C-alpha atoms as a PDB file:
ATOM      1  CA  UNK A   1     119.004  13.151 123.394  1.00  0.00           C
ATOM      2  CA  UNK A   2     120.196  15.587 125.793  1.00  0.00           C
ATOM      3  CA  UNK A   3     121.338  12.842 128.240  1.00  0.00           C
ATOM      4  CA  UNK A   4     123.347  10.956 125.295  1.00  0.00           C
ATOM      5  CA  UNK A   5     125.137  14.180 124.332  1.00  0.00           C
ATOM      6  CA  UNK A   6     126.156  14.883 128.068  1.00  0.00           C
ATOM      7  CA  UNK A   7     127.329  11.137 128.541  1.00  0.00           C
ATOM      8  CA  UNK A   8     129.406  11.680 125.214  1.00  0.00           C
ATOM      9  CA  UNK A   9     131.043  14.702 126.088  1.00  0.00           C
ATOM     10  CA  UNK A  10     131.608  13.624 129.496  1.00  0.00           C
ATOM     11  CA  UNK A  11     133.334  10.647 128.296  1.00  0.00           C
ATOM     12  CA  UNK A  12     135.368  12.450 125.542  1.00  0.00           C
ATOM     13  CA  UNK A  13     136.852  14.562 128.409  1.00  0.00           C
ATOM     14  CA  UNK A  14     137.756  11.847 130.604  1.00  0.00           C
ATOM     15  CA  UNK A  15     139.722  10.116 127.519  1.00  0.00           C
ATOM     16  CA  UNK A  16     141.071  13.262 126.728  1.00  0.00           C
ATOM     17  CA  UNK A  17     142.455  13.755 130.468  1.00  0.00           C
ATOM     18  CA  UNK A  18     143.743  10.058 130.161  1.00  0.00           C
ATOM     19  CA  UNK A  19     145.787  10.916 127.135  1.00  0.00           C
ATOM     20  CA  UNK A  20     147.524  14.097 128.063  1.00  0.00           C
ATOM     21  CA  UNK A  21     148.635  12.101 131.468  1.00  0.00           C
ATOM     22  CA  UNK A  22     149.939   9.264 129.557  1.00  0.00           C
ATOM     23  CA  UNK A  23     151.903  11.636 127.544  1.00  0.00           C
ATOM     24  CA  UNK A  24     153.308  13.470 130.537  1.00  0.00           C
ATOM     25  CA  UNK A  25     154.711  10.219 131.757  1.00  0.00           C
ATOM     26  CA  UNK A  26     156.036   8.827 128.712  1.00  0.00           C
ATOM     27  CA  UNK A  27     158.284  12.473 127.784  1.00  0.00           C
ATOM     28  CA  UNK A  28     161.301  12.563 129.820  1.00  0.00           C
ATOM     29  CA  UNK A  29     161.990  15.893 131.922  1.00  0.00           C
ATOM     30  CA  UNK A  30     163.888  18.399 130.264  1.00  0.00           C
ATOM     31  CA  UNK A  31     165.328  19.763 133.839  1.00  0.00           C
ATOM     32  CA  UNK A  32     165.927  16.377 134.938  1.00  0.00           C
ATOM     33  CA  UNK A  33     167.839  15.560 131.721  1.00  0.00           C
ATOM     34  CA  UNK A  34     170.111  18.852 131.881  1.00  0.00           C
ATOM     35  CA  UNK A  35     171.076  18.289 135.316  1.00  0.00           C
ATOM     36  CA  UNK A  36     171.052  14.652 135.273  1.00  0.00           C
ATOM     37  CA  UNK A  37     174.829  14.464 134.417  1.00  0.00           C
ATOM     38  CA  UNK A  38     175.568  16.017 137.971  1.00  0.00           C
ATOM     39  CA  UNK A  39     172.691  13.981 139.887  1.00  0.00           C
ATOM     40  CA  UNK A  40     173.678  10.819 138.195  1.00  0.00           C
ATOM     41  CA  UNK A  41     177.269   9.961 138.619  1.00  0.00           C
ATOM     42  CA  UNK A  42     177.061   6.706 136.691  1.00  0.00           C
ATOM     43  CA  UNK A  43     175.416   8.574 133.501  1.00  0.00           C
ATOM     44  CA  UNK A  44     177.971   9.600 131.056  1.00  0.00           C
ATOM     45  CA  UNK A  45     178.142  13.130 130.068  1.00  0.00           C
ATOM     46  CA  UNK A  46     177.322  13.326 125.946  1.00  0.00           C
ATOM     47  CA  UNK A  47     180.404  13.890 123.883  1.00  0.00           C
ATOM     48  CA  UNK A  48     181.182  16.043 120.554  1.00  0.00           C
ATOM     49  CA  UNK A  49     180.355  12.767 118.469  1.00  0.00           C
ATOM     50  CA  UNK A  50     176.884  12.623 119.898  1.00  0.00           C
ATOM     51  CA  UNK A  51     176.406  16.133 118.849  1.00  0.00           C
ATOM     52  CA  UNK A  52     176.785  17.841 122.297  1.00  0.00           C
ATOM     53  CA  UNK A  53     178.383  21.117 122.944  1.00  0.00           C
ATOM     54  CA  UNK A  54     181.546  20.591 124.972  1.00  0.00           C
ATOM     55  CA  UNK A  55     181.525  22.563 128.293  1.00  0.00           C
ATOM     56  CA  UNK A  56     184.724  24.028 129.444  1.00  0.00           C
ATOM     57  CA  UNK A  57     186.495  22.828 132.333  1.00  0.00           C
ATOM     58  CA  UNK A  58     186.524  25.441 135.250  1.00  0.00           C
ATOM     59  CA  UNK A  59     189.442  27.948 135.228  1.00  0.00           C
ATOM     60  CA  UNK A  60     191.396  28.257 138.407  1.00  0.00           C
ATOM     61  CA  UNK A  61     191.915  32.077 139.045  1.00  0.00           C
ATOM     62  CA  UNK A  62     195.110  32.681 140.886  1.00  0.00           C
ATOM     63  CA  UNK A  63     194.062  34.932 144.332  1.00  0.00           C
ATOM     64  CA  UNK A  64     195.136  38.449 143.473  1.00  0.00           C
ATOM     65  CA  UNK A  65     198.189  39.847 145.518  1.00  0.00           C
ATOM     66  CA  UNK A  66     197.193  42.355 148.198  1.00  0.00           C
ATOM     67  CA  UNK A  67     199.018  45.420 147.638  1.00  0.00           C
ATOM     68  CA  UNK A  68     201.165  46.523 150.570  1.00  0.00           C
ATOM     69  CA  UNK A  69     201.002  49.091 152.992  1.00  0.00           C
ATOM     70  CA  UNK A  70     202.894  52.405 152.278  1.00  0.00           C
ATOM     71  CA  UNK A  71     205.800  52.307 154.343  1.00  0.00           C
ATOM     72  CA  UNK A  72     205.432  53.751 157.845  1.00  0.00           C
ATOM     73  CA  UNK A  73     206.625  57.507 157.937  1.00  0.00           C
ATOM     74  CA  UNK A  74     209.743  57.940 160.153  1.00  0.00           C
ATOM     75  CA  UNK A  75     209.065  59.133 163.741  1.00  0.00           C
ATOM     76  CA  UNK A  76     209.428  63.163 163.911  1.00  0.00           C
ATOM     77  CA  UNK A  77     212.424  64.224 165.436  1.00  0.00           C
ATOM     78  CA  UNK A  78     212.213  65.596 168.800  1.00  0.00           C
ATOM     79  CA  UNK A  79     213.621  69.109 170.398  1.00  0.00           C
ATOM     80  CA  UNK A  80     213.070  70.489 173.656  1.00  0.00           C
ATOM     81  CA  UNK A  81     210.734  73.285 173.500  1.00  0.00           C
ATOM     82  CA  UNK A  82     210.083  76.211 176.262  1.00  0.00           C
ATOM     83  CA  UNK A  83     207.264  78.580 176.425  1.00  0.00           C
ATOM     84  CA  UNK A  84     207.330  81.882 178.465  1.00  0.00           C
ATOM     85  CA  UNK A  85     203.670  83.154 179.181  1.00  0.00           C
ATOM     86  CA  UNK A  86     203.184  87.223 179.664  1.00  0.00           C
ATOM     87  CA  UNK A  87     200.443  89.764 180.386  1.00  0.00           C
ATOM     88  CA  UNK A  88     200.056  91.080 176.667  1.00  0.00           C
ATOM     89  CA  UNK A  89     199.430  94.452 178.405  1.00  0.00           C
ATOM     90  CA  UNK A  90     201.895  95.046 181.316  1.00  0.00           C
ATOM     91  CA  UNK A  91     204.574  92.618 179.316  1.00  0.00           C
ATOM     92  CA  UNK A  92     204.909  90.862 183.149  1.00  0.00           C
ATOM     93  CA  UNK A  93     205.066  86.960 183.335  1.00  0.00           C
ATOM     94  CA  UNK A  94     202.147  85.100 184.071  1.00  0.00           C
ATOM     95  CA  UNK A  95     202.464  82.146 186.772  1.00  0.00           C
ATOM     96  CA  UNK A  96     200.153  79.306 186.727  1.00  0.00           C
ATOM     97  CA  UNK A  97     198.959  79.442 182.909  1.00  0.00           C
ATOM     98  CA  UNK A  98     198.466  75.977 181.404  1.00  0.00           C
ATOM     99  CA  UNK A  99     200.007  75.607 178.033  1.00  0.00           C
ATOM    100  CA  UNK A 100     199.339  72.693 175.838  1.00  0.00           C
ATOM    101  CA  UNK A 101     201.105  71.185 172.917  1.00  0.00           C
ATOM    102  CA  UNK A 102     198.263  70.591 170.353  1.00  0.00           C
ATOM    103  CA  UNK A 103     200.210  67.668 168.178  1.00  0.00           C
ATOM    104  CA  UNK A 104     201.005  65.804 171.132  1.00  0.00           C
ATOM    105  CA  UNK A 105     198.580  66.720 174.007  1.00  0.00           C
ATOM    106  CA  UNK A 106     201.521  67.550 176.545  1.00  0.00           C
ATOM    107  CA  UNK A 107     200.392  70.077 179.030  1.00  0.00           C
ATOM    108  CA  UNK A 108     202.811  72.083 181.256  1.00  0.00           C
ATOM    109  CA  UNK A 109     202.438  74.982 183.919  1.00  0.00           C
ATOM    110  CA  UNK A 110     203.891  78.276 184.216  1.00  0.00           C
ATOM    111  CA  UNK A 111     206.319  79.112 187.037  1.00  0.00           C
ATOM    112  CA  UNK A 112     206.592  82.476 189.117  1.00  0.00           C
ATOM    113  CA  UNK A 113     209.166  83.490 185.850  1.00  0.00           C
ATOM    114  CA  UNK A 114     205.868  82.551 183.612  1.00  0.00           C
ATOM    115  CA  UNK A 115     208.303  79.786 182.312  1.00  0.00           C
ATOM    116  CA  UNK A 116     207.192  76.251 181.493  1.00  0.00           C
ATOM    117  CA  UNK A 117     209.702  73.045 181.817  1.00  0.00           C
ATOM    118  CA  UNK A 118     210.988  71.764 178.198  1.00  0.00           C
ATOM    119  CA  UNK A 119     208.116  70.189 175.799  1.00  0.00           C
ATOM    120  CA  UNK A 120     209.192  67.357 173.981  1.00  0.00           C
ATOM    121  CA  UNK A 121     208.548  68.512 170.490  1.00  0.00           C
ATOM    122  CA  UNK A 122     208.157  66.970 167.226  1.00  0.00           C
ATOM    123  CA  UNK A 123     209.617  68.345 164.202  1.00  0.00           C
ATOM    124  CA  UNK A 124     206.225  68.382 161.697  1.00  0.00           C
ATOM    125  CA  UNK A 125     206.579  69.987 158.548  1.00  0.00           C
ATOM    126  CA  UNK A 126     203.875  70.712 156.624  1.00  0.00           C
ATOM    127  CA  UNK A 127     202.710  67.548 154.307  1.00  0.00           C
ATOM    128  CA  UNK A 128     200.627  70.226 151.650  1.00  0.00           C
ATOM    129  CA  UNK A 129     203.829  72.156 150.623  1.00  0.00           C
ATOM    130  CA  UNK A 130     206.603  69.852 151.401  1.00  0.00           C
ATOM    131  CA  UNK A 131     206.297  67.984 147.986  1.00  0.00           C
ATOM    132  CA  UNK A 132     206.588  71.582 146.188  1.00  0.00           C
ATOM    133  CA  UNK A 133     209.552  73.232 148.018  1.00  0.00           C
ATOM    134  CA  UNK A 134     212.083  72.285 150.610  1.00  0.00           C
ATOM    135  CA  UNK A 135     210.609  73.556 154.040  1.00  0.00           C
ATOM    136  CA  UNK A 136     213.169  75.211 156.230  1.00  0.00           C
ATOM    137  CA  UNK A 137     211.580  74.457 159.588  1.00  0.00           C
ATOM    138  CA  UNK A 138     208.869  72.684 161.179  1.00  0.00           C
ATOM    139  CA  UNK A 139     205.789  74.478 162.488  1.00  0.00           C
ATOM    140  CA  UNK A 140     203.652  73.601 165.749  1.00  0.00           C
ATOM    141  CA  UNK A 141     200.532  75.035 167.452  1.00  0.00           C
ATOM    142  CA  UNK A 142     200.514  75.983 171.203  1.00  0.00           C
ATOM    143  CA  UNK A 143     197.252  76.883 173.490  1.00  0.00           C
ATOM    144  CA  UNK A 144     197.713  78.969 176.759  1.00  0.00           C
ATOM    145  CA  UNK A 145     194.908  78.854 179.485  1.00  0.00           C
ATOM    146  CA  UNK A 146     194.703  80.945 182.698  1.00  0.00           C
ATOM    147  CA  UNK A 147     191.778  81.870 184.295  1.00  0.00           C
ATOM    148  CA  UNK A 148     190.795  85.761 183.989  1.00  0.00           C
ATOM    149  CA  UNK A 149     192.384  85.869 180.688  1.00  0.00           C
ATOM    150  CA  UNK A 150     191.437  85.015 177.174  1.00  0.00           C
ATOM    151  CA  UNK A 151     192.864  81.958 176.064  1.00  0.00           C
ATOM    152  CA  UNK A 152     195.302  82.056 173.861  1.00  0.00           C
ATOM    153  CA  UNK A 153     196.353  80.079 170.406  1.00  0.00           C
ATOM    154  CA  UNK A 154     199.733  80.123 168.770  1.00  0.00           C
ATOM    155  CA  UNK A 155     199.918  78.374 165.739  1.00  0.00           C
ATOM    156  CA  UNK A 156     202.905  78.011 163.486  1.00  0.00           C
ATOM    157  CA  UNK A 157     205.562  77.930 166.314  1.00  0.00           C
ATOM    158  CA  UNK A 158     208.945  77.428 164.374  1.00  0.00           C
ATOM    159  CA  UNK A 159     210.769  74.408 164.880  1.00  0.00           C
ATOM    160  CA  UNK A 160     213.963  73.213 163.643  1.00  0.00           C
ATOM    161  CA  UNK A 161     216.178  70.106 163.617  1.00  0.00           C
ATOM    162  CA  UNK A 162     218.616  69.874 166.297  1.00  0.00           C
ATOM    163  CA  UNK A 163     217.914  73.383 167.827  1.00  0.00           C
ATOM    164  CA  UNK A 164     216.466  74.249 171.364  1.00  0.00           C
ATOM    165  CA  UNK A 165     213.615  76.487 170.673  1.00  0.00           C
ATOM    166  CA  UNK A 166     211.967  79.030 172.977  1.00  0.00           C
ATOM    167  CA  UNK A 167     208.991  80.978 172.242  1.00  0.00           C
ATOM    168  CA  UNK A 168     206.349  83.627 173.823  1.00  0.00           C
ATOM    169  CA  UNK A 169     202.786  83.712 174.274  1.00  0.00           C
ATOM    170  CA  UNK A 170     200.838  86.595 175.159  1.00  0.00           C
ATOM    171  CA  UNK A 171     197.593  86.827 177.086  1.00  0.00           C
ATOM    172  CA  UNK A 172     195.108  89.505 177.786  1.00  0.00           C
ATOM    173  CA  UNK A 173     192.991  89.766 180.867  1.00  0.00           C
ATOM    174  CA  UNK A 174     189.372  89.744 180.676  1.00  0.00           C
ATOM    175  CA  UNK A 175     187.907  93.397 181.294  1.00  0.00           C
ATOM    176  CA  UNK A 176     184.838  94.693 182.616  1.00  0.00           C
ATOM    177  CA  UNK A 177     183.523  95.628 179.179  1.00  0.00           C
ATOM    178  CA  UNK A 178     184.581  92.641 177.213  1.00  0.00           C
ATOM    179  CA  UNK A 179     181.222  90.968 176.035  1.00  0.00           C
ATOM    180  CA  UNK A 180     182.573  88.181 173.607  1.00  0.00           C
ATOM    181  CA  UNK A 181     185.061  86.447 175.524  1.00  0.00           C
ATOM    182  CA  UNK A 182     186.637  84.487 172.621  1.00  0.00           C
ATOM    183  CA  UNK A 183     190.110  83.339 172.185  1.00  0.00           C
ATOM    184  CA  UNK A 184     193.194  85.450 170.921  1.00  0.00           C
ATOM    185  CA  UNK A 185     194.762  83.957 167.481  1.00  0.00           C
ATOM    186  CA  UNK A 186     198.493  84.337 166.603  1.00  0.00           C
ATOM    187  CA  UNK A 187     199.675  83.052 163.212  1.00  0.00           C
ATOM    188  CA  UNK A 188     203.608  82.744 163.195  1.00  0.00           C
ATOM    189  CA  UNK A 189     204.921  83.462 159.564  1.00  0.00           C
ATOM    190  CA  UNK A 190     206.907  80.903 157.582  1.00  0.00           C
ATOM    191  CA  UNK A 191     210.522  81.874 157.192  1.00  0.00           C
ATOM    192  CA  UNK A 192     211.104  84.117 154.516  1.00  0.00           C
ATOM    193  CA  UNK A 193     213.613  82.229 152.429  1.00  0.00           C
ATOM    194  CA  UNK A 194     210.646  79.636 152.094  1.00  0.00           C
ATOM    195  CA  UNK A 195     208.439  81.989 151.052  1.00  0.00           C
ATOM    196  CA  UNK A 196     210.857  83.304 148.471  1.00  0.00           C
ATOM    197  CA  UNK A 197     211.200  79.363 147.265  1.00  0.00           C
ATOM    198  CA  UNK A 198     207.334  79.167 147.270  1.00  0.00           C
ATOM    199  CA  UNK A 199     206.530  82.188 145.034  1.00  0.00           C
ATOM    200  CA  UNK A 200     209.492  81.298 142.661  1.00  0.00           C
ATOM    201  CA  UNK A 201     208.101  77.969 142.139  1.00  0.00           C
ATOM    202  CA  UNK A 202     204.753  79.157 140.896  1.00  0.00           C
ATOM    203  CA  UNK A 203     206.282  82.085 138.815  1.00  0.00           C
ATOM    204  CA  UNK A 204     205.070  82.558 135.218  1.00  0.00           C
ATOM    205  CA  UNK A 205     207.205  84.108 132.353  1.00  0.00           C
ATOM    206  CA  UNK A 206     204.526  86.631 132.008  1.00  0.00           C
ATOM    207  CA  UNK A 207     204.666  88.278 135.121  1.00  0.00           C
ATOM    208  CA  UNK A 208     208.860  87.762 136.038  1.00  0.00           C
ATOM    209  CA  UNK A 209     208.456  90.570 138.633  1.00  0.00           C
ATOM    210  CA  UNK A 210     211.672  92.550 139.814  1.00  0.00           C
ATOM    211  CA  UNK A 211     214.135  90.142 138.776  1.00  0.00           C
ATOM    212  CA  UNK A 212     215.137  87.289 141.176  1.00  0.00           C
ATOM    213  CA  UNK A 213     214.513  87.588 145.064  1.00  0.00           C
ATOM    214  CA  UNK A 214     217.737  88.204 146.759  1.00  0.00           C
ATOM    215  CA  UNK A 215     217.588  87.120 150.722  1.00  0.00           C
END
């Protein structure tokens, strides 16, 4: 009896496996049908009449224009700049001091009179303030070096269009009691007329001050 039941179950499973395999072979692959239009050039695409959903033609997107680069800034005008280096305590000229123009890296050495040759100095205006008010002059930076003296940094040296410039740098000798050897900084102020324009630019009606500034 058990042998008959076992034979019947095994036979039923075998028939079911054959039936499933036959159905799989008779049903077309959905994936093959979906990509058949592209993989078989002889096979026509279904039309609207066949009830298929039309496929939109690919849209040609024109290439985006590359934004043009901003126009190059005009080269800064250049004027001759001569520097005199002196001892800050004795007021005597210092020979053999090296002076560097920060904006260009040009380096000159002072002669026996404490004078450098002529720097080819550009007229550079501060872009942070230039759009607000008209700037009357450009400003540059200088660094002076001499062994036995503190380095001296001069910022804001005034440079005007078409006018040769001269400036003086003070240097201080290092003494025996000096413990922190740091550079000396000098900041040349803006022209007073420019400062007047700057303060007037931001003045409010609630703070009229003492009236119009008169140079």
